[in-house]
Amino acid sequence: MAAITISNLSKCFGKEKVLSDIDLDVRDGEFIALLGPSGCGKSTLLRLIAGLETPNSGLIRLGNREITHLPPEKRDVALMFQSYALMPHMTVFENVRFPLRMKNILSRADQGSRVKGALEQVQLSNLGGRYPSELSGGQQQRVALARAIVAEPQVLLLDEPLSNLDARLRETMQIELKQLYQSLRMTTIFVTHDQAEALALADRVVLMHAGIIEQVGTPKDLYNRPKTVFAADFIGGANILWIEVGCMGNHFIGTLPDGSTISLSGRGDLAEGFRPFMIRQEAIRFAPEGEDVIRLEGVIESQHFSGSVIKSIIRFGDLQISAITPAKNTPERSGSIIFGMHYNDLIGIDT
């Protein structure tokens, strides 16, 4: 079993606490993305799992083994670095074979067969005799990936492996990485600061912030049901409205920033006071019609063309509201406009 259990894991560098009491369960064969802004602790967590850092407290288990203080070579995990770390004096074939030689795995002939298989999996069968300097960035990335999987580790750790690629190649490699994972079904932990990448690749996303885990869930869960204001804002770029919730008889009423009120009945338990609500940018509509819509008035301050869609920044009282709408349904900037959303697109946030 290649499940990973992390309990009360903390890490300090000097007086700075980088990770605080992390608890996380990674299932056998699962693809997990560690997501968050720079400095949130995601790469440190990956290095602790790999054995390149030692925790100040807590435990790490791989299957039935505690590996907290084992050296990296005894953990049966492979780490692919952001820089790829290929050896320039070795051919592609020898770079990929290197882990097998160091661990004295298999005979020389069997090592060769294993390397050929790994190169086939990353579509580099015909480049075994080349040197890293003769490869493109995408090809170097594939070599590093082949080297990581060639020893068939229980766990594959990827530290922002696509960040050095241009946008077009990065998108291609996302598809290839997902296909490789689906064929290997190897427990995989992937570090990224790109929320679109995490949503596209992972079975579950671990959203981190300031050394703690903010929320864990499937990509759809994090996108549709964020539990905190940070999660709502980081995943997908939501608009956050603080609405004053009050009670009128048996019904809850919300007062919006412009002073208008809406019914909040049917939303379960609500506490009175100012509460955060989320509206996704793509849920905003111009001149919305129907009984189940919230209609607001604002002014378009700026617009940003992106082909089939336009991003509009709307001034609404003291707030700026972002809307992403089809180009054909987006009004031009010209005085006051009516915008809004369907009632069900106004999502309450716990904290």
Protein backbone atom coordinates (compact mmCIF):
# COMPACT_ATOMS: atom_id res chain seq x y z
CA MET A 1 0.00 0.00 0.00
CA ALA A 2 1.33 3.43 -0.95
CA ALA A 3 -0.99 5.50 1.22
CA ILE A 4 0.60 8.38 3.11
CA THR A 5 -0.49 9.50 6.57
CA ILE A 6 0.82 12.78 7.96
CA SER A 7 0.08 13.62 11.61
CA ASN A 8 0.75 16.87 13.51
CA LEU A 9 3.67 17.73 11.25
CA SER A 10 5.46 21.01 12.00
CA LYS A 11 8.60 22.59 10.60
CA CYS A 12 10.57 25.67 11.64
CA PHE A 13 13.52 27.36 9.98
CA GLY A 14 15.13 29.22 12.85
CA LYS A 15 12.36 31.17 14.59
CA GLU A 16 10.07 31.05 11.54
CA LYS A 17 7.36 28.39 11.67
CA VAL A 18 6.80 27.24 8.09
CA LEU A 19 4.33 24.41 8.76
CA SER A 20 1.94 24.17 11.72
CA ASP A 21 0.44 20.85 12.84
CA ILE A 22 -0.30 19.45 9.38
CA ASP A 23 -2.67 16.45 9.21
CA LEU A 24 -3.19 14.84 5.81
CA ASP A 25 -4.18 11.43 4.45
CA VAL A 26 -3.21 10.56 0.87
CA ARG A 27 -4.90 7.45 -0.48
CA ASP A 28 -3.08 4.67 -2.28
CA GLY A 29 -2.86 5.53 -5.99
CA GLU A 30 -4.24 9.05 -5.53
CA PHE A 31 -3.07 12.19 -7.39
CA ILE A 32 -2.88 15.06 -4.88
CA ALA A 33 -2.04 18.69 -5.69
CA LEU A 34 -0.49 20.89 -3.00
CA LEU A 35 -1.69 24.34 -4.00
CA GLY A 36 -1.08 27.77 -2.56
CA PRO A 37 0.78 31.06 -2.92
CA SER A 38 4.56 31.37 -2.66
CA GLY A 39 5.78 30.85 0.88
CA CYS A 40 2.74 28.90 2.10
CA GLY A 41 4.83 25.77 2.91
CA LYS A 42 3.82 23.42 0.09
CA SER A 43 7.37 22.71 -1.17
CA THR A 44 8.60 22.28 2.41
CA LEU A 45 5.88 19.68 2.98
CA LEU A 46 6.96 17.85 -0.18
CA ARG A 47 10.62 17.88 0.94
CA LEU A 48 9.62 16.49 4.33
CA ILE A 49 7.86 13.59 2.63
CA ALA A 50 10.92 13.05 0.43
CA GLY A 51 13.27 13.07 3.43
CA LEU A 52 15.22 16.15 2.35
CA GLU A 53 14.09 18.04 5.46
CA THR A 54 13.53 16.88 9.05
CA PRO A 55 10.36 17.94 10.89
CA ASN A 56 10.45 19.56 14.30
CA SER A 57 7.48 17.44 15.34
CA GLY A 58 4.97 15.02 13.89
CA LEU A 59 4.92 11.73 11.99
CA ILE A 60 4.94 10.59 8.36
CA ARG A 61 3.82 7.07 7.47
CA LEU A 62 4.01 5.33 4.08
CA GLY A 63 1.73 2.33 4.14
CA ASN A 64 2.50 0.49 7.38
CA ARG A 65 5.97 2.03 7.79
CA GLU A 66 6.89 5.15 9.69
CA ILE A 67 9.37 7.04 7.50
CA THR A 68 9.64 10.31 9.44
CA HIS A 69 13.37 10.01 10.08
CA LEU A 70 14.42 7.57 7.34
CA PRO A 71 16.99 8.84 4.80
CA PRO A 72 15.60 9.58 1.31
CA GLU A 73 17.06 6.46 -0.31
CA LYS A 74 15.16 4.19 2.11
CA ARG A 75 11.71 5.75 1.62
CA ASP A 76 10.85 4.33 -1.82
CA VAL A 77 9.80 7.73 -3.11
CA ALA A 78 11.04 9.65 -6.15
CA LEU A 79 11.26 13.44 -6.31
CA MET A 80 11.30 15.34 -9.59
CA PHE A 81 12.81 18.79 -9.07
CA GLN A 82 11.61 22.01 -10.67
CA SER A 83 15.06 22.44 -12.29
CA TYR A 84 15.04 18.79 -13.59
CA ALA A 85 18.67 18.38 -12.28
CA LEU A 86 19.85 16.38 -15.32
CA MET A 87 23.56 15.50 -15.47
CA PRO A 88 24.98 17.27 -18.52
CA HIS A 89 27.82 14.79 -19.14
CA MET A 90 25.43 11.84 -19.35
CA THR A 91 23.20 10.84 -22.24
CA VAL A 92 19.44 10.70 -21.87
CA PHE A 93 19.69 6.92 -21.48
CA GLU A 94 22.31 7.18 -18.71
CA ASN A 95 20.43 9.94 -16.91
CA VAL A 96 17.34 7.75 -16.74
CA ARG A 97 19.38 4.68 -15.76
CA PHE A 98 21.18 6.53 -12.95
CA PRO A 99 18.72 5.67 -10.10
CA LEU A 100 18.87 1.98 -10.99
CA ARG A 101 22.68 2.04 -10.85
CA MET A 102 22.81 3.93 -7.55
CA LYS A 103 20.34 1.53 -5.90
CA ASN A 104 21.89 -1.51 -7.62
CA ILE A 105 18.48 -2.54 -8.95
CA LEU A 106 18.36 -5.33 -11.58
CA SER A 107 21.09 -6.61 -13.88
CA ARG A 108 22.63 -4.34 -16.50
CA ALA A 109 20.50 -5.92 -19.25
CA ASP A 110 17.31 -5.59 -17.20
CA GLN A 111 18.21 -1.99 -16.35
CA GLY A 112 18.42 -1.30 -20.07
CA SER A 113 14.97 -2.81 -20.64
CA ARG A 114 13.54 -0.77 -17.76
CA VAL A 115 15.06 2.46 -19.13
CA LYS A 116 13.68 1.79 -22.62
CA GLY A 117 10.23 1.24 -21.12
CA ALA A 118 10.40 4.49 -19.15
CA LEU A 119 11.50 6.43 -22.24
CA GLU A 120 8.63 4.92 -24.22
CA GLN A 121 6.18 6.07 -21.55
CA VAL A 122 7.36 9.68 -21.93
CA GLN A 123 7.60 9.45 -25.75
CA LEU A 124 11.40 9.76 -25.99
CA SER A 125 12.32 6.31 -27.31
CA ASN A 126 14.46 7.72 -30.13
CA LEU A 127 16.44 10.25 -28.04
CA GLY A 128 18.34 7.97 -25.65
CA GLY A 129 21.71 8.84 -27.17
CA ARG A 130 21.38 12.61 -26.91
CA TYR A 131 22.72 14.87 -24.16
CA PRO A 132 20.56 17.28 -22.12
CA SER A 133 22.02 20.31 -23.93
CA GLU A 134 20.65 18.92 -27.20
CA LEU A 135 17.08 18.79 -25.90
CA SER A 136 14.27 21.32 -25.68
CA GLY A 137 12.82 22.30 -22.32
CA GLY A 138 9.87 20.00 -22.79
CA GLN A 139 12.14 17.08 -23.70
CA GLN A 140 14.31 17.69 -20.63
CA GLN A 141 11.17 17.67 -18.52
CA ARG A 142 10.21 14.27 -19.98
CA VAL A 143 13.69 12.88 -19.25
CA ALA A 144 13.45 14.00 -15.63
CA LEU A 145 10.03 12.36 -15.39
CA ALA A 146 11.33 9.10 -16.89
CA ARG A 147 14.19 9.10 -14.37
CA ALA A 148 11.68 9.59 -11.53
CA ILE A 149 9.50 6.62 -12.53
CA VAL A 150 12.14 4.17 -13.79
CA ALA A 151 12.73 2.58 -10.36
CA GLU A 152 8.96 2.17 -9.91
CA PRO A 153 8.76 3.96 -6.56
CA GLN A 154 5.72 3.73 -4.33
CA VAL A 155 5.29 7.51 -4.37
CA LEU A 156 6.08 10.12 -7.04
CA LEU A 157 6.72 13.67 -5.80
CA LEU A 158 6.65 16.54 -8.31
CA ASP A 159 7.85 20.02 -7.31
CA GLU A 160 6.36 22.50 -9.83
CA PRO A 161 7.67 20.42 -12.76
CA LEU A 162 5.88 22.48 -15.44
CA SER A 163 6.75 25.99 -14.24
CA ASN A 164 9.75 26.38 -16.59
CA LEU A 165 7.71 25.69 -19.74
CA ASP A 166 5.97 28.19 -21.97
CA ALA A 167 2.16 28.36 -21.85
CA ARG A 168 1.49 26.21 -24.95
CA LEU A 169 3.94 23.47 -23.97
CA ARG A 170 2.77 23.58 -20.38
CA GLU A 171 -0.78 22.79 -21.48
CA THR A 172 0.47 19.87 -23.59
CA MET A 173 2.54 18.50 -20.72
CA GLN A 174 -0.44 18.71 -18.35
CA ILE A 175 -2.31 16.34 -20.66
CA GLU A 176 0.67 13.99 -20.95
CA LEU A 177 1.28 14.00 -17.20
CA LYS A 178 -2.36 13.12 -16.55
CA GLN A 179 -2.21 10.30 -19.10
CA LEU A 180 1.01 8.96 -17.56
CA TYR A 181 -0.56 8.97 -14.10
CA GLN A 182 -3.63 7.15 -15.40
CA SER A 183 -1.43 4.40 -16.87
CA LEU A 184 0.82 4.03 -13.79
CA ARG A 185 -1.72 4.71 -11.00
CA MET A 186 1.20 5.63 -8.76
CA THR A 187 0.53 7.67 -5.63
CA THR A 188 1.50 11.17 -6.77
CA ILE A 189 1.89 14.47 -4.91
CA PHE A 190 2.23 17.52 -7.11
CA VAL A 191 3.22 21.02 -5.93
CA THR A 192 1.93 24.02 -7.88
CA HIS A 193 0.95 27.65 -7.36
CA ASP A 194 -1.25 27.55 -10.48
CA GLN A 195 -4.86 26.88 -9.47
CA ALA A 196 -5.93 26.02 -13.04
CA GLU A 197 -3.21 23.36 -13.17
CA ALA A 198 -4.27 21.88 -9.82
CA LEU A 199 -7.94 21.75 -10.82
CA ALA A 200 -7.12 20.11 -14.16
CA LEU A 201 -4.79 17.39 -12.84
CA ALA A 202 -5.60 16.37 -9.27
CA ASP A 203 -8.05 13.90 -7.75
CA ARG A 204 -8.02 16.12 -4.66
CA VAL A 205 -6.51 19.53 -3.98
CA VAL A 206 -4.82 20.49 -0.71
CA LEU A 207 -5.05 24.27 -0.48
CA MET A 208 -2.37 25.73 1.81
CA HIS A 209 -1.98 29.19 3.29
CA ALA A 210 0.57 30.53 5.79
CA GLY A 211 1.78 27.11 6.87
CA ILE A 212 -1.61 25.49 7.41
CA ILE A 213 -4.07 23.49 5.31
CA GLU A 214 -6.96 25.78 4.43
CA GLN A 215 -9.17 23.17 2.75
CA VAL A 216 -8.95 19.70 1.18
CA GLY A 217 -11.38 18.48 -1.44
CA THR A 218 -12.00 17.50 -5.02
CA PRO A 219 -11.48 20.29 -7.58
CA LYS A 220 -15.26 20.69 -7.88
CA ASP A 221 -15.67 20.88 -4.10
CA LEU A 222 -13.08 23.62 -3.73
CA TYR A 223 -14.46 25.57 -6.66
CA ASN A 224 -18.16 25.28 -5.81
CA ARG A 225 -18.05 25.06 -2.00
CA PRO A 226 -15.07 26.96 -0.59
CA LYS A 227 -15.06 26.99 3.21
CA THR A 228 -13.12 30.23 3.75
CA VAL A 229 -12.78 33.64 2.12
CA PHE A 230 -9.18 32.79 1.20
CA ALA A 231 -10.25 29.56 -0.53
CA ALA A 232 -13.01 31.34 -2.44
CA ASP A 233 -10.70 34.10 -3.61
CA PHE A 234 -7.68 31.91 -4.47
CA ILE A 235 -9.60 29.24 -6.38
CA GLY A 236 -11.14 30.82 -9.44
CA GLY A 237 -10.99 34.44 -8.36
CA ALA A 238 -14.37 34.98 -6.72
CA ASN A 239 -16.11 38.21 -5.86
CA ILE A 240 -16.62 38.45 -2.10
CA LEU A 241 -19.65 40.37 -0.83
CA TRP A 242 -20.03 41.05 2.88
CA ILE A 243 -23.77 41.06 3.48
CA GLU A 244 -25.45 42.15 6.69
CA VAL A 245 -27.73 39.29 7.68
CA GLY A 246 -30.78 40.15 9.74
CA CYS A 247 -33.94 38.35 10.82
CA MET A 248 -37.44 39.54 9.93
CA GLY A 249 -40.03 37.28 11.51
CA ASN A 250 -39.12 33.74 10.45
CA HIS A 251 -37.04 34.84 7.47
CA PHE A 252 -33.46 36.00 7.02
CA ILE A 253 -32.88 39.19 5.06
CA GLY A 254 -29.57 40.32 3.57
CA THR A 255 -28.61 43.96 3.16
CA LEU A 256 -26.18 44.50 0.28
CA PRO A 257 -23.39 47.12 0.22
CA ASP A 258 -25.61 49.51 -1.80
CA GLY A 259 -28.38 49.31 0.80
CA SER A 260 -30.73 47.08 -1.20
CA THR A 261 -32.11 43.96 0.47
CA ILE A 262 -32.61 40.37 -0.65
CA SER A 263 -34.29 37.35 0.89
CA LEU A 264 -31.96 34.72 2.33
CA SER A 265 -34.69 32.20 3.15
CA GLY A 266 -33.95 28.55 2.41
CA ARG A 267 -30.21 28.85 3.09
CA GLY A 268 -30.12 26.80 6.27
CA ASP A 269 -28.74 28.15 9.52
CA LEU A 270 -27.50 31.72 9.24
CA ALA A 271 -26.11 33.86 12.05
CA GLU A 272 -27.06 37.50 12.16
CA GLY A 273 -24.33 40.03 11.43
CA PHE A 274 -21.94 40.61 8.54
CA ARG A 275 -21.32 37.38 6.61
CA PRO A 276 -19.19 36.72 3.53
CA PHE A 277 -20.83 35.47 0.33
CA MET A 278 -19.17 34.48 -2.95
CA ILE A 279 -20.15 35.12 -6.55
CA ARG A 280 -17.99 33.58 -9.26
CA GLN A 281 -16.92 35.94 -12.04
CA GLU A 282 -18.65 33.82 -14.69
CA ALA A 283 -21.90 33.84 -12.68
CA ILE A 284 -22.32 37.60 -13.18
CA ARG A 285 -24.78 38.53 -15.93
CA PHE A 286 -25.66 41.81 -17.54
CA ALA A 287 -29.35 42.82 -17.59
CA PRO A 288 -30.45 39.55 -15.96
CA GLU A 289 -34.11 38.62 -16.27
CA GLY A 290 -36.37 36.27 -14.34
CA GLU A 291 -37.95 35.88 -10.94
CA ASP A 292 -34.94 34.17 -9.37
CA VAL A 293 -32.32 36.86 -10.06
CA ILE A 294 -30.67 39.59 -8.02
CA ARG A 295 -30.47 42.84 -10.01
CA LEU A 296 -27.87 45.46 -9.10
CA GLU A 297 -26.73 48.75 -10.59
CA GLY A 298 -23.12 49.72 -11.26
CA VAL A 299 -20.66 51.27 -13.70
CA ILE A 300 -18.17 49.40 -15.90
CA GLU A 301 -14.73 50.87 -15.09
CA SER A 302 -12.61 48.77 -17.46
CA GLN A 303 -12.83 45.83 -19.83
CA HIS A 304 -10.25 43.25 -20.89
CA PHE A 305 -10.71 41.33 -24.15
CA SER A 306 -9.72 37.62 -24.17
CA GLY A 307 -11.12 36.30 -27.43
CA SER A 308 -14.51 34.71 -26.85
CA VAL A 309 -14.95 36.31 -23.42
CA ILE A 310 -14.49 39.76 -21.89
CA LYS A 311 -13.57 40.50 -18.30
CA SER A 312 -15.37 43.60 -16.99
CA ILE A 313 -14.53 45.46 -13.78
CA ILE A 314 -17.75 46.93 -12.38
CA ARG A 315 -17.86 49.66 -9.75
CA PHE A 316 -20.59 48.76 -7.24
CA GLY A 317 -20.66 51.25 -4.37
CA ASP A 318 -17.21 51.02 -2.75
CA LEU A 319 -16.55 47.62 -4.31
CA GLN A 320 -15.15 46.35 -7.59
CA ILE A 321 -16.98 43.37 -9.07
CA SER A 322 -15.31 41.22 -11.75
CA ALA A 323 -17.46 39.64 -14.44
CA ILE A 324 -16.41 37.23 -17.18
CA THR A 325 -19.07 37.11 -19.89
CA PRO A 326 -19.32 36.03 -23.55
CA ALA A 327 -18.12 38.84 -25.80
CA LYS A 328 -21.45 38.96 -27.64
CA ASN A 329 -23.35 39.44 -24.36
CA THR A 330 -21.11 42.14 -22.88
CA PRO A 331 -22.21 45.79 -23.06
CA GLU A 332 -19.74 48.53 -23.86
CA ARG A 333 -18.67 51.03 -21.23
CA SER A 334 -21.37 53.71 -21.15
CA GLY A 335 -22.73 55.05 -17.86
CA SER A 336 -24.77 52.97 -15.45
CA ILE A 337 -25.55 49.35 -16.24
CA ILE A 338 -27.72 46.65 -14.64
CA PHE A 339 -25.94 43.46 -13.67
CA GLY A 340 -26.58 40.63 -11.27
CA MET A 341 -26.73 36.90 -10.76
CA HIS A 342 -29.15 34.07 -10.13
CA TYR A 343 -30.08 33.73 -6.49
CA ASN A 344 -28.43 30.28 -6.24
CA ASP A 345 -25.12 31.71 -7.51
CA LEU A 346 -24.73 33.70 -4.28
CA ILE A 347 -22.83 31.19 -2.15
CA GLY A 348 -22.41 31.61 1.61
CA ILE A 349 -18.92 31.07 3.10
CA ASP A 350 -18.43 29.64 6.58
CA THR A 351 -15.61 31.95 7.67
